[in-house]
Amino acid sequence: MTHTPAEWAQMVSLAVALYASASVPFFVLVDADLADFDPRPAVRHTHQLAVHVGHDLAWITASAQHELAPVAVPVRHAAYGAREVARDTAALLVLLTTSPKGTLR
């Protein structure tokens, strides 16, 4: 049985693909130096990036606190004042609606 031109093309394509996949490691590593596989520069770069991100986050947090402090103080004082008014109102209601012990009604 003879092979068709399409089958020959498939076999040639398969042979080229196998040769290429087998030769990729050679062509990648042919000019490689031992320093190319040293992880320390990447680790150093990652550490520097993390430090810069940490500094940026600290700066953003400090800036937000600085910007929000003038707003937060009056809100806190208003909440404190509202709490005091609510407590005083509750105490007044208790005094006005109950009778002391020992008194007759």
C-alpha atoms as a PDB file:
ATOM      1  CA  MET A   1       0.000   0.000   0.000  1.00  0.00           C
ATOM      2  CA  THR A   2       1.403   3.385  -0.929  1.00  0.00           C
ATOM      3  CA  HIS A   3       1.076   6.504   1.162  1.00  0.00           C
ATOM      4  CA  THR A   4      -0.695   9.603  -0.049  1.00  0.00           C
ATOM      5  CA  PRO A   5       1.066  12.981  -0.263  1.00  0.00           C
ATOM      6  CA  ALA A   6      -1.012  14.153   2.751  1.00  0.00           C
ATOM      7  CA  GLU A   7       0.326  11.272   4.854  1.00  0.00           C
ATOM      8  CA  TRP A   8       3.893  12.045   3.750  1.00  0.00           C
ATOM      9  CA  ALA A   9       3.356  15.681   4.715  1.00  0.00           C
ATOM     10  CA  GLN A  10       2.044  14.594   8.134  1.00  0.00           C
ATOM     11  CA  MET A  11       5.094  12.404   8.733  1.00  0.00           C
ATOM     12  CA  VAL A  12       7.530  15.120   7.656  1.00  0.00           C
ATOM     13  CA  SER A  13       5.707  17.620   9.876  1.00  0.00           C
ATOM     14  CA  LEU A  14       5.845  15.182  12.797  1.00  0.00           C
ATOM     15  CA  ALA A  15       9.563  14.597  12.250  1.00  0.00           C
ATOM     16  CA  VAL A  16      10.286  18.327  12.166  1.00  0.00           C
ATOM     17  CA  ALA A  17       8.213  18.875  15.323  1.00  0.00           C
ATOM     18  CA  LEU A  18      10.014  16.086  17.200  1.00  0.00           C
ATOM     19  CA  TYR A  19      13.438  17.358  16.085  1.00  0.00           C
ATOM     20  CA  ALA A  20      12.525  20.912  17.116  1.00  0.00           C
ATOM     21  CA  SER A  21      11.189  19.900  20.516  1.00  0.00           C
ATOM     22  CA  ALA A  22      14.285  17.808  21.184  1.00  0.00           C
ATOM     23  CA  SER A  23      16.647  20.597  20.132  1.00  0.00           C
ATOM     24  CA  VAL A  24      14.993  23.391  22.125  1.00  0.00           C
ATOM     25  CA  PRO A  25      16.895  22.627  25.362  1.00  0.00           C
ATOM     26  CA  PHE A  26      20.177  22.589  23.439  1.00  0.00           C
ATOM     27  CA  PHE A  27      19.581  25.959  21.791  1.00  0.00           C
ATOM     28  CA  VAL A  28      18.350  27.478  25.043  1.00  0.00           C
ATOM     29  CA  LEU A  29      21.317  26.251  27.072  1.00  0.00           C
ATOM     30  CA  VAL A  30      24.129  26.426  24.486  1.00  0.00           C
ATOM     31  CA  ASP A  31      25.223  29.937  25.540  1.00  0.00           C
ATOM     32  CA  ALA A  32      24.040  29.686  29.131  1.00  0.00           C
ATOM     33  CA  ASP A  33      26.314  30.727  31.947  1.00  0.00           C
ATOM     34  CA  LEU A  34      26.088  29.481  35.522  1.00  0.00           C
ATOM     35  CA  ALA A  35      25.196  33.025  36.646  1.00  0.00           C
ATOM     36  CA  ASP A  36      22.062  32.855  34.506  1.00  0.00           C
ATOM     37  CA  PHE A  37      20.622  30.317  36.929  1.00  0.00           C
ATOM     38  CA  ASP A  38      21.391  32.284  40.109  1.00  0.00           C
ATOM     39  CA  PRO A  39      18.094  33.101  41.902  1.00  0.00           C
ATOM     40  CA  ARG A  40      19.603  35.813  44.090  1.00  0.00           C
ATOM     41  CA  PRO A  41      19.004  38.769  41.720  1.00  0.00           C
ATOM     42  CA  ALA A  42      15.354  37.808  41.361  1.00  0.00           C
ATOM     43  CA  VAL A  43      14.997  37.395  45.122  1.00  0.00           C
ATOM     44  CA  ARG A  44      16.721  40.736  45.686  1.00  0.00           C
ATOM     45  CA  HIS A  45      14.442  42.425  43.160  1.00  0.00           C
ATOM     46  CA  THR A  46      11.353  40.882  44.765  1.00  0.00           C
ATOM     47  CA  HIS A  47      12.505  42.018  48.214  1.00  0.00           C
ATOM     48  CA  GLN A  48      13.098  45.573  46.974  1.00  0.00           C
ATOM     49  CA  LEU A  49       9.682  45.587  45.337  1.00  0.00           C
ATOM     50  CA  ALA A  50       8.053  44.405  48.569  1.00  0.00           C
ATOM     51  CA  VAL A  51       9.852  47.117  50.534  1.00  0.00           C
ATOM     52  CA  HIS A  52       8.692  49.806  48.096  1.00  0.00           C
ATOM     53  CA  VAL A  53       5.117  48.508  48.227  1.00  0.00           C
ATOM     54  CA  GLY A  54       5.273  48.536  52.032  1.00  0.00           C
ATOM     55  CA  HIS A  55       6.535  52.119  52.055  1.00  0.00           C
ATOM     56  CA  ASP A  56       3.797  53.151  49.634  1.00  0.00           C
ATOM     57  CA  LEU A  57       1.122  51.508  51.804  1.00  0.00           C
ATOM     58  CA  ALA A  58       2.489  53.218  54.915  1.00  0.00           C
ATOM     59  CA  TRP A  59       2.478  56.573  53.103  1.00  0.00           C
ATOM     60  CA  ILE A  60      -1.100  56.040  51.888  1.00  0.00           C
ATOM     61  CA  THR A  61      -2.238  55.103  55.400  1.00  0.00           C
ATOM     62  CA  ALA A  62      -0.548  58.133  56.951  1.00  0.00           C
ATOM     63  CA  SER A  63      -1.977  60.428  54.289  1.00  0.00           C
ATOM     64  CA  ALA A  64      -5.468  59.040  54.791  1.00  0.00           C
ATOM     65  CA  GLN A  65      -5.213  59.482  58.554  1.00  0.00           C
ATOM     66  CA  HIS A  66      -3.939  63.032  58.074  1.00  0.00           C
ATOM     67  CA  GLU A  67      -6.756  63.896  55.695  1.00  0.00           C
ATOM     68  CA  LEU A  68      -9.506  62.218  57.719  1.00  0.00           C
ATOM     69  CA  ALA A  69      -8.506  63.521  61.154  1.00  0.00           C
ATOM     70  CA  PRO A  70     -10.251  66.923  60.730  1.00  0.00           C
ATOM     71  CA  VAL A  71     -13.427  65.074  59.773  1.00  0.00           C
ATOM     72  CA  ALA A  72     -13.185  62.317  62.379  1.00  0.00           C
ATOM     73  CA  VAL A  73     -12.764  64.606  65.408  1.00  0.00           C
ATOM     74  CA  PRO A  74     -16.066  66.492  64.992  1.00  0.00           C
ATOM     75  CA  VAL A  75     -17.873  63.245  64.226  1.00  0.00           C
ATOM     76  CA  ARG A  76     -16.437  61.670  67.365  1.00  0.00           C
ATOM     77  CA  HIS A  77     -17.434  64.721  69.438  1.00  0.00           C
ATOM     78  CA  ALA A  78     -20.932  64.685  67.960  1.00  0.00           C
ATOM     79  CA  ALA A  79     -21.292  60.990  68.742  1.00  0.00           C
ATOM     80  CA  TYR A  80     -20.054  61.604  72.284  1.00  0.00           C
ATOM     81  CA  GLY A  81     -22.522  64.488  72.689  1.00  0.00           C
ATOM     82  CA  ALA A  82     -25.387  62.375  71.341  1.00  0.00           C
ATOM     83  CA  ARG A  83     -24.474  59.580  73.746  1.00  0.00           C
ATOM     84  CA  GLU A  84     -24.431  62.023  76.663  1.00  0.00           C
ATOM     85  CA  VAL A  85     -27.836  63.456  75.672  1.00  0.00           C
ATOM     86  CA  ALA A  86     -29.303  59.946  75.351  1.00  0.00           C
ATOM     87  CA  ARG A  87     -27.937  58.950  78.760  1.00  0.00           C
ATOM     88  CA  ASP A  88     -29.242  62.103  80.416  1.00  0.00           C
ATOM     89  CA  THR A  89     -32.662  61.660  78.778  1.00  0.00           C
ATOM     90  CA  ALA A  90     -32.873  58.055  79.947  1.00  0.00           C
ATOM     91  CA  ALA A  91     -31.920  59.066  83.493  1.00  0.00           C
ATOM     92  CA  LEU A  92     -34.524  61.837  83.507  1.00  0.00           C
ATOM     93  CA  LEU A  93     -37.212  59.446  82.265  1.00  0.00           C
ATOM     94  CA  VAL A  94     -36.330  56.960  84.988  1.00  0.00           C
ATOM     95  CA  LEU A  95     -36.533  59.706  87.610  1.00  0.00           C
ATOM     96  CA  LEU A  96     -39.848  61.030  86.328  1.00  0.00           C
ATOM     97  CA  THR A  97     -41.604  57.703  85.807  1.00  0.00           C
ATOM     98  CA  THR A  98     -40.626  55.847  88.969  1.00  0.00           C
ATOM     99  CA  SER A  99     -41.197  56.639  92.582  1.00  0.00           C
ATOM    100  CA  PRO A 100     -38.549  56.341  95.263  1.00  0.00           C
ATOM    101  CA  LYS A 101     -38.728  53.418  97.665  1.00  0.00           C
ATOM    102  CA  GLY A 102     -40.619  54.061 100.814  1.00  0.00           C
ATOM    103  CA  THR A 103     -43.069  56.552  99.379  1.00  0.00           C
ATOM    104  CA  LEU A 104     -46.767  55.872  99.038  1.00  0.00           C
ATOM    105  CA  ARG A 105     -48.687  56.349  95.917  1.00  0.00           C
END
